[in-house]
Amino acid sequence: MKKLYSLMFCLIVFAPALFAQEHYTEGPVWRIQLIRVKPTQMDAYLTSLRQSTKPLIEEEKKQGVIIDYKIFLKETKNGPEDWDIAVAIEYKNHAAMDGLTAKGEAARDKILGGKAPAQQLADKRAEIREVISSELLQEIFLK
């Protein structure tokens, strides 16, 4: 009887994972930020991305912290509260995100010159954009 309960417990706990593995394999993990740029500030925001974010992300890519990144410009609007820019960062897997803060701070210090300049940049960006959401997504490959 005890074995039957153990077997049932294992089936209940592991069945969802077995079911999922039948349909797909897990790919990389993506951190996606959806950003709304304030009116008349798109040029300033894109300049900030090009001058500060791109070198920082390129350094993280060079160091192997991230695999890749993409920046998307939304060409359609569903309303005034919609997002304008999506910044997507690709990580190999969830484990690659372990110790991410320390790795990111090292890249930040190298590219931006430390915590204070990075905070000043964040303050300036807060004036010209709003982060609508930040999502963590698991890419999957259907079998």
Protein backbone atom coordinates (compact mmCIF):
# COMPACT_ATOMS: atom_id res chain seq x y z
CA MET A 1 0.00 0.00 0.00
CA LYS A 2 2.84 2.34 0.86
CA LYS A 3 4.40 1.68 -2.57
CA LEU A 4 1.11 2.50 -4.27
CA TYR A 5 0.94 5.86 -2.49
CA SER A 6 4.55 6.57 -3.42
CA LEU A 7 3.86 5.69 -7.04
CA MET A 8 0.77 7.90 -7.13
CA PHE A 9 2.68 10.76 -5.52
CA CYS A 10 5.46 10.48 -8.12
CA LEU A 11 2.95 10.43 -10.96
CA ILE A 12 1.18 13.51 -9.64
CA VAL A 13 4.41 15.43 -9.08
CA PHE A 14 6.28 14.44 -12.24
CA ALA A 15 3.42 13.99 -14.72
CA PRO A 16 3.32 17.67 -15.81
CA ALA A 17 7.04 17.61 -16.61
CA LEU A 18 6.71 14.37 -18.54
CA PHE A 19 3.71 15.74 -20.42
CA ALA A 20 5.59 18.93 -21.33
CA GLN A 21 8.67 17.05 -22.50
CA GLU A 22 6.50 15.18 -24.96
CA HIS A 23 5.67 18.41 -26.80
CA TYR A 24 8.76 20.60 -26.62
CA THR A 25 12.34 21.02 -25.51
CA GLU A 26 13.47 24.00 -23.48
CA GLY A 27 15.54 26.68 -25.14
CA PRO A 28 17.14 29.87 -23.85
CA VAL A 29 15.59 32.26 -21.34
CA TRP A 30 14.67 35.80 -22.38
CA ARG A 31 14.24 38.90 -20.20
CA ILE A 32 11.93 41.28 -22.08
CA GLN A 33 11.25 44.87 -21.05
CA LEU A 34 8.36 46.71 -22.69
CA ILE A 35 8.95 50.45 -22.61
CA ARG A 36 6.71 53.42 -23.35
CA VAL A 37 8.65 56.50 -24.42
CA LYS A 38 7.15 59.81 -23.39
CA PRO A 39 5.87 62.07 -26.20
CA THR A 40 8.62 63.89 -28.15
CA GLN A 41 11.35 61.89 -26.35
CA MET A 42 11.94 59.03 -28.83
CA ASP A 43 15.11 60.57 -30.28
CA ALA A 44 16.58 61.19 -26.82
CA TYR A 45 15.71 57.66 -25.71
CA LEU A 46 17.19 56.00 -28.81
CA THR A 47 20.33 58.11 -28.37
CA SER A 48 20.58 56.92 -24.77
CA LEU A 49 20.15 53.29 -25.83
CA ARG A 50 22.80 53.64 -28.53
CA GLN A 51 25.33 55.46 -26.35
CA SER A 52 24.91 53.61 -23.04
CA THR A 53 22.82 50.46 -23.25
CA LYS A 54 24.30 49.04 -26.43
CA PRO A 55 27.94 49.21 -25.17
CA LEU A 56 26.90 47.72 -21.82
CA ILE A 57 25.01 44.83 -23.41
CA GLU A 58 27.82 44.26 -25.92
CA GLU A 59 30.26 44.00 -23.00
CA GLU A 60 28.03 41.45 -21.25
CA LYS A 61 27.85 39.49 -24.49
CA LYS A 62 31.64 39.65 -24.88
CA GLN A 63 32.07 38.36 -21.31
CA GLY A 64 29.62 35.50 -21.95
CA VAL A 65 27.07 36.76 -19.43
CA ILE A 66 24.39 36.87 -22.14
CA ILE A 67 24.00 35.10 -25.46
CA ASP A 68 22.41 37.89 -27.47
CA TYR A 69 19.99 40.79 -27.39
CA LYS A 70 17.39 42.40 -29.59
CA ILE A 71 15.68 45.76 -29.56
CA PHE A 72 12.26 46.06 -31.17
CA LEU A 73 10.41 49.19 -32.28
CA LYS A 74 6.65 48.71 -32.21
CA GLU A 75 5.14 50.11 -35.39
CA THR A 76 1.50 49.85 -34.39
CA LYS A 77 -0.32 51.44 -31.49
CA ASN A 78 -3.33 49.89 -29.77
CA GLY A 79 -3.82 52.92 -27.56
CA PRO A 80 -1.95 55.69 -25.71
CA GLU A 81 -0.93 53.29 -22.92
CA ASP A 82 0.80 50.87 -25.32
CA TRP A 83 4.55 50.24 -25.39
CA ASP A 84 6.99 51.63 -28.01
CA ILE A 85 10.28 49.77 -27.52
CA ALA A 86 11.02 46.21 -26.40
CA VAL A 87 14.49 45.28 -25.14
CA ALA A 88 15.10 41.53 -25.14
CA ILE A 89 18.14 39.92 -23.48
CA GLU A 90 18.88 36.23 -24.15
CA TYR A 91 20.44 33.96 -21.51
CA LYS A 92 21.56 30.38 -22.14
CA ASN A 93 19.27 29.04 -19.40
CA HIS A 94 18.04 29.86 -15.90
CA ALA A 95 21.36 28.82 -14.37
CA ALA A 96 23.13 31.48 -16.46
CA MET A 97 21.25 34.06 -14.39
CA ASP A 98 22.92 32.94 -11.15
CA GLY A 99 25.18 35.73 -9.87
CA LEU A 100 23.81 38.06 -12.52
CA THR A 101 23.90 41.13 -10.28
CA ALA A 102 27.65 40.88 -9.66
CA LYS A 103 28.37 40.17 -13.33
CA GLY A 104 26.20 43.08 -14.39
CA GLU A 105 27.84 45.43 -11.91
CA ALA A 106 31.30 44.52 -13.25
CA ALA A 107 30.20 45.31 -16.81
CA ARG A 108 28.43 48.47 -15.61
CA ASP A 109 31.54 49.71 -13.83
CA LYS A 110 33.71 49.04 -16.88
CA ILE A 111 31.39 50.72 -19.39
CA LEU A 112 29.58 53.40 -17.40
CA GLY A 113 32.25 54.15 -14.82
CA GLY A 114 30.54 52.94 -11.66
CA LYS A 115 27.33 53.06 -9.69
CA ALA A 116 26.91 56.84 -9.53
CA PRO A 117 27.03 57.45 -13.31
CA ALA A 118 24.68 54.50 -13.83
CA GLN A 119 22.24 55.98 -11.31
CA GLN A 120 22.39 59.35 -13.08
CA LEU A 121 21.61 57.61 -16.37
CA ALA A 122 18.67 55.78 -14.76
CA ASP A 123 17.34 59.07 -13.37
CA LYS A 124 17.54 60.74 -16.81
CA ARG A 125 15.78 57.79 -18.43
CA ALA A 126 12.99 57.92 -15.86
CA GLU A 127 12.20 61.39 -17.19
CA ILE A 128 11.78 60.21 -20.80
CA ARG A 129 10.38 56.68 -20.55
CA GLU A 130 8.35 54.29 -18.46
CA VAL A 131 8.88 50.55 -18.12
CA ILE A 132 5.47 48.99 -18.78
CA SER A 133 6.52 45.44 -17.88
CA SER A 134 9.52 43.21 -17.44
CA GLU A 135 8.95 39.56 -18.24
CA LEU A 136 11.04 36.41 -17.99
CA LEU A 137 10.19 34.00 -20.82
CA GLN A 138 11.33 30.45 -21.52
CA GLU A 139 11.81 29.84 -25.24
CA ILE A 140 10.60 26.42 -26.29
CA PHE A 141 11.09 24.35 -29.43
CA LEU A 142 8.16 22.21 -30.46
CA LYS A 143 8.97 18.60 -31.27
